[in-house]
Amino acid sequence: MNRSLTLLSALLLTATLQGCGDDSKPAKAEAPEAASTAAAATPAGDSCSGHVLEKALPPTKAIYGYPYLSRECGYDDATIVYGKADGSQHLVVTLTDTGLPAPGADQQGEAARQYLAAQAKLRDTTARNVSLLNQARQAALQNGTAAQFGGEQYLPVIDSTRMGDPLAISVPGPDDKAGESSLTGLIKGRYVLNMTSPDKPNGGTAQSLRELFVPISEQMALTKLP
C-alpha cells in the first residue's frame, strides 16, 4: 500500500475528528510492508511462468487502454506492469500470498518466525486499512468535511471482488499532482491485492479510478487461488 493512501487516511481522520469536535490525536492507517518486493522490470525469461500466482494475474496484453510492459514473480508475490515506455501511462498490479510457509528448510528458526509474523501483519494491516478508509469516508460525509479534500468525488470509495472481498480505492486530492491512486484489498483472507497508478483520468476522481482499477481486478482469476 503506498504512502499517499496512509497520508489520505490520516487527513480524513483529522477532518472527521474536527467535525466531531474531538481534539484527540487522529489514528492513522498503517502502511503494510510486504515481506518481499517485486521489481518492475521483468528479467530475461519469465519468472511467472508456472508460478502458483500466475493463474490469477491479469492478462499479458493491453488492458483498458494500458499496454502490457512486464511482469515478475518472487517466492510469495507477483507484479505486472502496464503503461507506456515514456511514462505517460503507468499502472502496477501486485498480488502477495501471505499464507505460504517461510522459505528455507528451517521452519522453527528465528528467520522463519519473523517471516510469518511479517506476513500476518501484512494481512491484518491491509484489512484494517480497508475498514479505516470506509469509516473515514462515511464520517467525512456525515461531518461535512469532504470539501477539505476536493469534495466527495475525492474521498475513498469501497467496492468488492465478485467473491465479496472489500476493495478500497483512494486518490490524492485535486491539488496533489504527484500523488498516486491506489486500490487495496485482502482476498480470501490470505492474498493482498494492490494496484497503484500516478495517472489521473477524468480529473483523477475516485470514481474515475474505480472505473479503471475494478475492471482490472475482474480480469483476474482470483477464484482459482487456493
C-alpha atoms as a PDB file:
ATOM      1  CA  MET A   1       0.000   0.000   0.000  1.00  0.00           C
ATOM      2  CA  ASN A   2       1.517   3.335  -0.945  1.00  0.00           C
ATOM      3  CA  ARG A   3       2.379   6.311   1.210  1.00  0.00           C
ATOM      4  CA  SER A   4      -0.365   8.523  -0.260  1.00  0.00           C
ATOM      5  CA  LEU A   5      -3.037   6.101   0.996  1.00  0.00           C
ATOM      6  CA  THR A   6      -1.650   6.371   4.517  1.00  0.00           C
ATOM      7  CA  LEU A   7      -1.478  10.155   4.369  1.00  0.00           C
ATOM      8  CA  LEU A   8      -5.006  10.393   2.966  1.00  0.00           C
ATOM      9  CA  SER A   9      -6.335   8.202   5.750  1.00  0.00           C
ATOM     10  CA  ALA A  10      -4.665  10.393   8.336  1.00  0.00           C
ATOM     11  CA  LEU A  11      -6.067  13.578   6.759  1.00  0.00           C
ATOM     12  CA  LEU A  12      -9.543  12.123   6.531  1.00  0.00           C
ATOM     13  CA  LEU A  13      -9.491  11.114  10.157  1.00  0.00           C
ATOM     14  CA  THR A  14      -8.213  14.539  11.170  1.00  0.00           C
ATOM     15  CA  ALA A  15     -11.174  16.149   9.435  1.00  0.00           C
ATOM     16  CA  THR A  16     -13.502  13.583  10.967  1.00  0.00           C
ATOM     17  CA  LEU A  17     -12.333  14.372  14.459  1.00  0.00           C
ATOM     18  CA  GLN A  18     -12.511  18.103  13.784  1.00  0.00           C
ATOM     19  CA  GLY A  19     -16.088  17.647  12.606  1.00  0.00           C
ATOM     20  CA  CYS A  20     -16.891  15.852  15.833  1.00  0.00           C
ATOM     21  CA  GLY A  21     -15.167  18.448  17.986  1.00  0.00           C
ATOM     22  CA  ASP A  22     -12.662  15.839  19.237  1.00  0.00           C
ATOM     23  CA  ASP A  23      -9.191  17.224  19.930  1.00  0.00           C
ATOM     24  CA  SER A  24      -7.616  13.821  20.405  1.00  0.00           C
ATOM     25  CA  LYS A  25      -4.898  12.579  18.092  1.00  0.00           C
ATOM     26  CA  PRO A  26      -6.222  11.056  14.860  1.00  0.00           C
ATOM     27  CA  ALA A  27      -5.496   7.426  14.191  1.00  0.00           C
ATOM     28  CA  LYS A  28      -3.520   6.644  11.080  1.00  0.00           C
ATOM     29  CA  ALA A  29      -3.873   3.828   8.638  1.00  0.00           C
ATOM     30  CA  GLU A  30      -0.646   1.870   8.911  1.00  0.00           C
ATOM     31  CA  ALA A  31       1.008   1.179   5.590  1.00  0.00           C
ATOM     32  CA  PRO A  32       1.857  -2.506   5.361  1.00  0.00           C
ATOM     33  CA  GLU A  33       5.286  -3.576   4.223  1.00  0.00           C
ATOM     34  CA  ALA A  34       5.332  -6.655   2.067  1.00  0.00           C
ATOM     35  CA  ALA A  35       7.718  -9.363   3.146  1.00  0.00           C
ATOM     36  CA  SER A  36       9.283  -9.327  -0.317  1.00  0.00           C
ATOM     37  CA  THR A  37       9.389  -6.776  -3.098  1.00  0.00           C
ATOM     38  CA  ALA A  38       8.971  -7.447  -6.811  1.00  0.00           C
ATOM     39  CA  ALA A  39      10.878  -5.267  -9.251  1.00  0.00           C
ATOM     40  CA  ALA A  40       9.026  -3.511 -12.029  1.00  0.00           C
ATOM     41  CA  ALA A  41      11.140  -4.761 -14.904  1.00  0.00           C
ATOM     42  CA  THR A  42      10.997  -8.388 -15.952  1.00  0.00           C
ATOM     43  CA  PRO A  43      14.421 -10.071 -16.214  1.00  0.00           C
ATOM     44  CA  ALA A  44      15.436 -12.371 -19.044  1.00  0.00           C
ATOM     45  CA  GLY A  45      12.931 -15.203 -19.104  1.00  0.00           C
ATOM     46  CA  ASP A  46       9.541 -15.137 -17.442  1.00  0.00           C
ATOM     47  CA  SER A  47       9.776 -15.688 -13.689  1.00  0.00           C
ATOM     48  CA  CYS A  48       5.974 -16.008 -13.534  1.00  0.00           C
ATOM     49  CA  SER A  49       5.725 -18.968 -15.894  1.00  0.00           C
ATOM     50  CA  GLY A  50       4.358 -21.849 -13.828  1.00  0.00           C
ATOM     51  CA  HIS A  51       4.206 -19.745 -10.658  1.00  0.00           C
ATOM     52  CA  VAL A  52       1.260 -20.510  -8.373  1.00  0.00           C
ATOM     53  CA  LEU A  53       0.057 -16.882  -8.657  1.00  0.00           C
ATOM     54  CA  GLU A  54       0.325 -16.743 -12.457  1.00  0.00           C
ATOM     55  CA  LYS A  55      -3.204 -18.069 -12.994  1.00  0.00           C
ATOM     56  CA  ALA A  56      -4.656 -15.173 -11.008  1.00  0.00           C
ATOM     57  CA  LEU A  57      -2.801 -12.354 -12.771  1.00  0.00           C
ATOM     58  CA  PRO A  58      -4.459 -10.087 -15.351  1.00  0.00           C
ATOM     59  CA  PRO A  59      -3.540 -10.838 -18.977  1.00  0.00           C
ATOM     60  CA  THR A  60      -0.173 -10.094 -20.571  1.00  0.00           C
ATOM     61  CA  LYS A  61      -1.715  -7.865 -23.217  1.00  0.00           C
ATOM     62  CA  ALA A  62      -3.135  -4.365 -23.425  1.00  0.00           C
ATOM     63  CA  ILE A  63      -5.908  -3.854 -20.915  1.00  0.00           C
ATOM     64  CA  TYR A  64      -8.340  -0.918 -20.758  1.00  0.00           C
ATOM     65  CA  GLY A  65      -6.046   1.274 -22.827  1.00  0.00           C
ATOM     66  CA  TYR A  66      -2.854   0.318 -20.956  1.00  0.00           C
ATOM     67  CA  PRO A  67      -0.245  -1.622 -22.963  1.00  0.00           C
ATOM     68  CA  TYR A  68       1.395  -4.560 -21.202  1.00  0.00           C
ATOM     69  CA  LEU A  69       5.027  -3.885 -20.203  1.00  0.00           C
ATOM     70  CA  SER A  70       6.395  -6.581 -17.916  1.00  0.00           C
ATOM     71  CA  ARG A  71       5.799  -8.982 -15.078  1.00  0.00           C
ATOM     72  CA  GLU A  72       7.904 -10.609 -12.377  1.00  0.00           C
ATOM     73  CA  CYS A  73       7.231 -13.196  -9.681  1.00  0.00           C
ATOM     74  CA  GLY A  74       9.087 -13.901  -6.463  1.00  0.00           C
ATOM     75  CA  TYR A  75       8.661 -16.501  -3.750  1.00  0.00           C
ATOM     76  CA  ASP A  76       5.391 -15.067  -2.455  1.00  0.00           C
ATOM     77  CA  ASP A  77       4.381 -12.286  -4.826  1.00  0.00           C
ATOM     78  CA  ALA A  78       3.693 -11.360  -8.419  1.00  0.00           C
ATOM     79  CA  THR A  79       3.861  -7.938 -10.060  1.00  0.00           C
ATOM     80  CA  ILE A  80       2.609  -6.963 -13.501  1.00  0.00           C
ATOM     81  CA  VAL A  81       3.208  -3.538 -15.048  1.00  0.00           C
ATOM     82  CA  TYR A  82       1.151  -1.763 -17.702  1.00  0.00           C
ATOM     83  CA  GLY A  83       1.668   1.568 -19.399  1.00  0.00           C
ATOM     84  CA  LYS A  84       3.895   3.301 -21.914  1.00  0.00           C
ATOM     85  CA  ALA A  85       7.668   3.234 -22.041  1.00  0.00           C
ATOM     86  CA  ASP A  86       7.793   7.040 -21.938  1.00  0.00           C
ATOM     87  CA  GLY A  87       5.996   7.035 -18.587  1.00  0.00           C
ATOM     88  CA  SER A  88       2.903   8.858 -19.837  1.00  0.00           C
ATOM     89  CA  GLN A  89       0.849   5.907 -18.571  1.00  0.00           C
ATOM     90  CA  HIS A  90       1.797   3.661 -15.661  1.00  0.00           C
ATOM     91  CA  LEU A  91      -0.141   1.106 -13.638  1.00  0.00           C
ATOM     92  CA  VAL A  92       1.212  -1.613 -11.350  1.00  0.00           C
ATOM     93  CA  VAL A  93      -0.707  -4.645 -10.052  1.00  0.00           C
ATOM     94  CA  THR A  94       0.796  -6.667  -7.198  1.00  0.00           C
ATOM     95  CA  LEU A  95      -0.564  -9.842  -5.648  1.00  0.00           C
ATOM     96  CA  THR A  96       1.066 -11.200  -2.484  1.00  0.00           C
ATOM     97  CA  ASP A  97       0.444 -14.619  -0.942  1.00  0.00           C
ATOM     98  CA  THR A  98       0.719 -14.234   2.833  1.00  0.00           C
ATOM     99  CA  GLY A  99      -0.178 -17.848   3.555  1.00  0.00           C
ATOM    100  CA  LEU A 100       2.993 -19.621   2.461  1.00  0.00           C
ATOM    101  CA  PRO A 101       5.432 -21.324   4.827  1.00  0.00           C
ATOM    102  CA  ALA A 102       8.661 -19.450   5.429  1.00  0.00           C
ATOM    103  CA  PRO A 103      11.269 -20.024   2.716  1.00  0.00           C
ATOM    104  CA  GLY A 104      14.077 -22.382   3.635  1.00  0.00           C
ATOM    105  CA  ALA A 105      14.290 -25.708   5.386  1.00  0.00           C
ATOM    106  CA  ASP A 106      14.304 -24.415   8.963  1.00  0.00           C
ATOM    107  CA  GLN A 107      10.679 -23.702   9.833  1.00  0.00           C
ATOM    108  CA  GLN A 108      11.403 -23.326  13.546  1.00  0.00           C
ATOM    109  CA  GLY A 109      14.199 -20.758  13.384  1.00  0.00           C
ATOM    110  CA  GLU A 110      14.055 -17.045  14.110  1.00  0.00           C
ATOM    111  CA  ALA A 111      14.105 -16.089  10.425  1.00  0.00           C
ATOM    112  CA  ALA A 112      11.032 -18.235   9.791  1.00  0.00           C
ATOM    113  CA  ARG A 113       9.206 -16.751  12.770  1.00  0.00           C
ATOM    114  CA  GLN A 114       9.969 -13.222  11.587  1.00  0.00           C
ATOM    115  CA  TYR A 115       8.773 -14.024   8.091  1.00  0.00           C
ATOM    116  CA  LEU A 116       5.465 -15.471   9.288  1.00  0.00           C
ATOM    117  CA  ALA A 117       4.955 -12.521  11.653  1.00  0.00           C
ATOM    118  CA  ALA A 118       5.543 -10.066   8.799  1.00  0.00           C
ATOM    119  CA  GLN A 119       3.019 -11.868   6.609  1.00  0.00           C
ATOM    120  CA  ALA A 120       0.421 -11.865   9.387  1.00  0.00           C
ATOM    121  CA  LYS A 121       0.999  -8.146   9.902  1.00  0.00           C
ATOM    122  CA  LEU A 122       0.539  -7.506   6.179  1.00  0.00           C
ATOM    123  CA  ARG A 123      -2.821  -9.323   6.225  1.00  0.00           C
ATOM    124  CA  ASP A 124      -4.034  -7.528   9.324  1.00  0.00           C
ATOM    125  CA  THR A 125      -2.880  -4.085   8.220  1.00  0.00           C
ATOM    126  CA  THR A 126      -4.469  -4.433   4.789  1.00  0.00           C
ATOM    127  CA  ALA A 127      -7.832  -5.414   6.256  1.00  0.00           C
ATOM    128  CA  ARG A 128      -7.601  -2.602   8.808  1.00  0.00           C
ATOM    129  CA  ASN A 129      -6.781  -0.004   6.150  1.00  0.00           C
ATOM    130  CA  VAL A 130      -9.772  -1.011   4.022  1.00  0.00           C
ATOM    131  CA  SER A 131     -12.050  -0.691   7.035  1.00  0.00           C
ATOM    132  CA  LEU A 132     -10.471   2.591   8.087  1.00  0.00           C
ATOM    133  CA  LEU A 133     -10.887   4.178   4.657  1.00  0.00           C
ATOM    134  CA  ASN A 134     -14.530   3.149   4.571  1.00  0.00           C
ATOM    135  CA  GLN A 135     -15.152   4.621   8.028  1.00  0.00           C
ATOM    136  CA  ALA A 136     -13.269   7.805   7.153  1.00  0.00           C
ATOM    137  CA  ARG A 137     -15.371   8.329   4.027  1.00  0.00           C
ATOM    138  CA  GLN A 138     -18.638   7.933   5.902  1.00  0.00           C
ATOM    139  CA  ALA A 139     -17.526  10.191   8.731  1.00  0.00           C
ATOM    140  CA  ALA A 140     -16.286  12.926   6.377  1.00  0.00           C
ATOM    141  CA  LEU A 141     -19.636  12.937   4.582  1.00  0.00           C
ATOM    142  CA  GLN A 142     -21.619  12.994   7.820  1.00  0.00           C
ATOM    143  CA  ASN A 143     -19.485  15.754   9.342  1.00  0.00           C
ATOM    144  CA  GLY A 144     -19.468  17.945   6.239  1.00  0.00           C
ATOM    145  CA  THR A 145     -15.670  17.855   5.882  1.00  0.00           C
ATOM    146  CA  ALA A 146     -15.452  16.293   2.402  1.00  0.00           C
ATOM    147  CA  ALA A 147     -14.842  19.724   0.834  1.00  0.00           C
ATOM    148  CA  GLN A 148     -11.447  19.867   2.533  1.00  0.00           C
ATOM    149  CA  PHE A 149     -10.299  17.100   0.211  1.00  0.00           C
ATOM    150  CA  GLY A 150     -11.698  18.489  -3.012  1.00  0.00           C
ATOM    151  CA  GLY A 151     -15.217  17.247  -2.498  1.00  0.00           C
ATOM    152  CA  GLU A 152     -16.951  13.914  -2.214  1.00  0.00           C
ATOM    153  CA  GLN A 153     -15.505  12.810  -5.546  1.00  0.00           C
ATOM    154  CA  TYR A 154     -12.015  12.609  -3.989  1.00  0.00           C
ATOM    155  CA  LEU A 155     -12.968  10.637  -0.902  1.00  0.00           C
ATOM    156  CA  PRO A 156     -12.150   6.895  -0.802  1.00  0.00           C
ATOM    157  CA  VAL A 157     -14.704   4.539  -2.292  1.00  0.00           C
ATOM    158  CA  ILE A 158     -15.347   0.910  -1.422  1.00  0.00           C
ATOM    159  CA  ASP A 159     -16.087  -1.794  -3.967  1.00  0.00           C
ATOM    160  CA  SER A 160     -15.673  -5.562  -3.834  1.00  0.00           C
ATOM    161  CA  THR A 161     -14.483  -8.566  -5.773  1.00  0.00           C
ATOM    162  CA  ARG A 162     -17.029 -10.928  -7.260  1.00  0.00           C
ATOM    163  CA  MET A 163     -16.409 -13.128  -4.210  1.00  0.00           C
ATOM    164  CA  GLY A 164     -17.389 -10.264  -1.906  1.00  0.00           C
ATOM    165  CA  ASP A 165     -13.941  -9.267  -0.634  1.00  0.00           C
ATOM    166  CA  PRO A 166     -13.948  -5.482   0.001  1.00  0.00           C
ATOM    167  CA  LEU A 167     -11.647  -3.275  -2.063  1.00  0.00           C
ATOM    168  CA  ALA A 168     -10.739   0.297  -1.117  1.00  0.00           C
ATOM    169  CA  ILE A 169      -9.879   2.869  -3.781  1.00  0.00           C
ATOM    170  CA  SER A 170      -8.159   6.059  -2.659  1.00  0.00           C
ATOM    171  CA  VAL A 171      -6.945   9.024  -4.697  1.00  0.00           C
ATOM    172  CA  PRO A 172      -4.898  12.151  -3.977  1.00  0.00           C
ATOM    173  CA  GLY A 173      -6.667  15.490  -3.765  1.00  0.00           C
ATOM    174  CA  PRO A 174      -7.136  17.598  -6.895  1.00  0.00           C
ATOM    175  CA  ASP A 175      -4.164  19.822  -5.994  1.00  0.00           C
ATOM    176  CA  ASP A 176      -1.783  16.909  -5.475  1.00  0.00           C
ATOM    177  CA  LYS A 177      -0.245  16.450  -8.899  1.00  0.00           C
ATOM    178  CA  ALA A 178       2.406  13.928  -7.821  1.00  0.00           C
ATOM    179  CA  GLY A 179       0.348  11.590  -5.639  1.00  0.00           C
ATOM    180  CA  GLU A 180      -0.642   8.076  -6.638  1.00  0.00           C
ATOM    181  CA  SER A 181      -4.070   6.500  -6.616  1.00  0.00           C
ATOM    182  CA  SER A 182      -4.410   3.001  -5.212  1.00  0.00           C
ATOM    183  CA  LEU A 183      -6.672   0.012  -4.800  1.00  0.00           C
ATOM    184  CA  THR A 184      -6.088  -2.407  -1.960  1.00  0.00           C
ATOM    185  CA  GLY A 185      -7.858  -5.438  -0.557  1.00  0.00           C
ATOM    186  CA  LEU A 186      -7.426  -8.745   1.227  1.00  0.00           C
ATOM    187  CA  ILE A 187      -8.592 -11.650  -0.926  1.00  0.00           C
ATOM    188  CA  LYS A 188      -9.821 -14.870   0.688  1.00  0.00           C
ATOM    189  CA  GLY A 189      -8.287 -13.704   3.957  1.00  0.00           C
ATOM    190  CA  ARG A 190      -4.847 -14.517   2.544  1.00  0.00           C
ATOM    191  CA  TYR A 191      -3.868 -12.695  -0.650  1.00  0.00           C
ATOM    192  CA  VAL A 192      -3.082  -8.966  -0.623  1.00  0.00           C
ATOM    193  CA  LEU A 193      -4.050  -7.203  -3.842  1.00  0.00           C
ATOM    194  CA  ASN A 194      -2.627  -3.760  -4.601  1.00  0.00           C
ATOM    195  CA  MET A 195      -2.900  -1.536  -7.650  1.00  0.00           C
ATOM    196  CA  THR A 196      -1.198   1.841  -7.979  1.00  0.00           C
ATOM    197  CA  SER A 197      -1.105   4.485 -10.673  1.00  0.00           C
ATOM    198  CA  PRO A 198       0.006   8.125 -10.856  1.00  0.00           C
ATOM    199  CA  ASP A 199      -2.401   8.692 -13.761  1.00  0.00           C
ATOM    200  CA  LYS A 200      -5.409  10.956 -13.334  1.00  0.00           C
ATOM    201  CA  PRO A 201      -8.087  10.076 -15.890  1.00  0.00           C
ATOM    202  CA  ASN A 202     -11.094  12.401 -15.887  1.00  0.00           C
ATOM    203  CA  GLY A 203      -9.570  14.613 -13.209  1.00  0.00           C
ATOM    204  CA  GLY A 204      -8.371  11.722 -11.073  1.00  0.00           C
ATOM    205  CA  THR A 205     -11.613  11.376  -9.094  1.00  0.00           C
ATOM    206  CA  ALA A 206     -12.208   8.280  -7.007  1.00  0.00           C
ATOM    207  CA  GLN A 207     -14.972   7.144  -9.353  1.00  0.00           C
ATOM    208  CA  SER A 208     -12.667   7.508 -12.380  1.00  0.00           C
ATOM    209  CA  LEU A 209     -10.013   5.339 -10.766  1.00  0.00           C
ATOM    210  CA  ARG A 210     -12.653   2.903  -9.607  1.00  0.00           C
ATOM    211  CA  GLU A 211     -13.688   2.503 -13.240  1.00  0.00           C
ATOM    212  CA  LEU A 212     -10.058   1.700 -14.076  1.00  0.00           C
ATOM    213  CA  PHE A 213      -8.995  -0.490 -11.139  1.00  0.00           C
ATOM    214  CA  VAL A 214     -12.091  -2.600 -10.509  1.00  0.00           C
ATOM    215  CA  PRO A 215     -12.489  -3.903 -14.095  1.00  0.00           C
ATOM    216  CA  ILE A 216      -8.831  -4.958 -13.989  1.00  0.00           C
ATOM    217  CA  SER A 217      -9.481  -6.871 -10.783  1.00  0.00           C
ATOM    218  CA  GLU A 218     -12.362  -8.569 -12.566  1.00  0.00           C
ATOM    219  CA  GLN A 219      -9.916  -9.737 -15.231  1.00  0.00           C
ATOM    220  CA  MET A 220      -8.006 -11.621 -12.537  1.00  0.00           C
ATOM    221  CA  ALA A 221      -8.924 -15.250 -11.856  1.00  0.00           C
ATOM    222  CA  LEU A 222      -8.952 -14.729  -8.098  1.00  0.00           C
ATOM    223  CA  THR A 223     -11.419 -17.577  -7.600  1.00  0.00           C
ATOM    224  CA  LYS A 224      -8.708 -20.001  -8.759  1.00  0.00           C
ATOM    225  CA  LEU A 225      -6.450 -19.125  -5.831  1.00  0.00           C
ATOM    226  CA  PRO A 226      -6.383 -21.852  -3.158  1.00  0.00           C
END
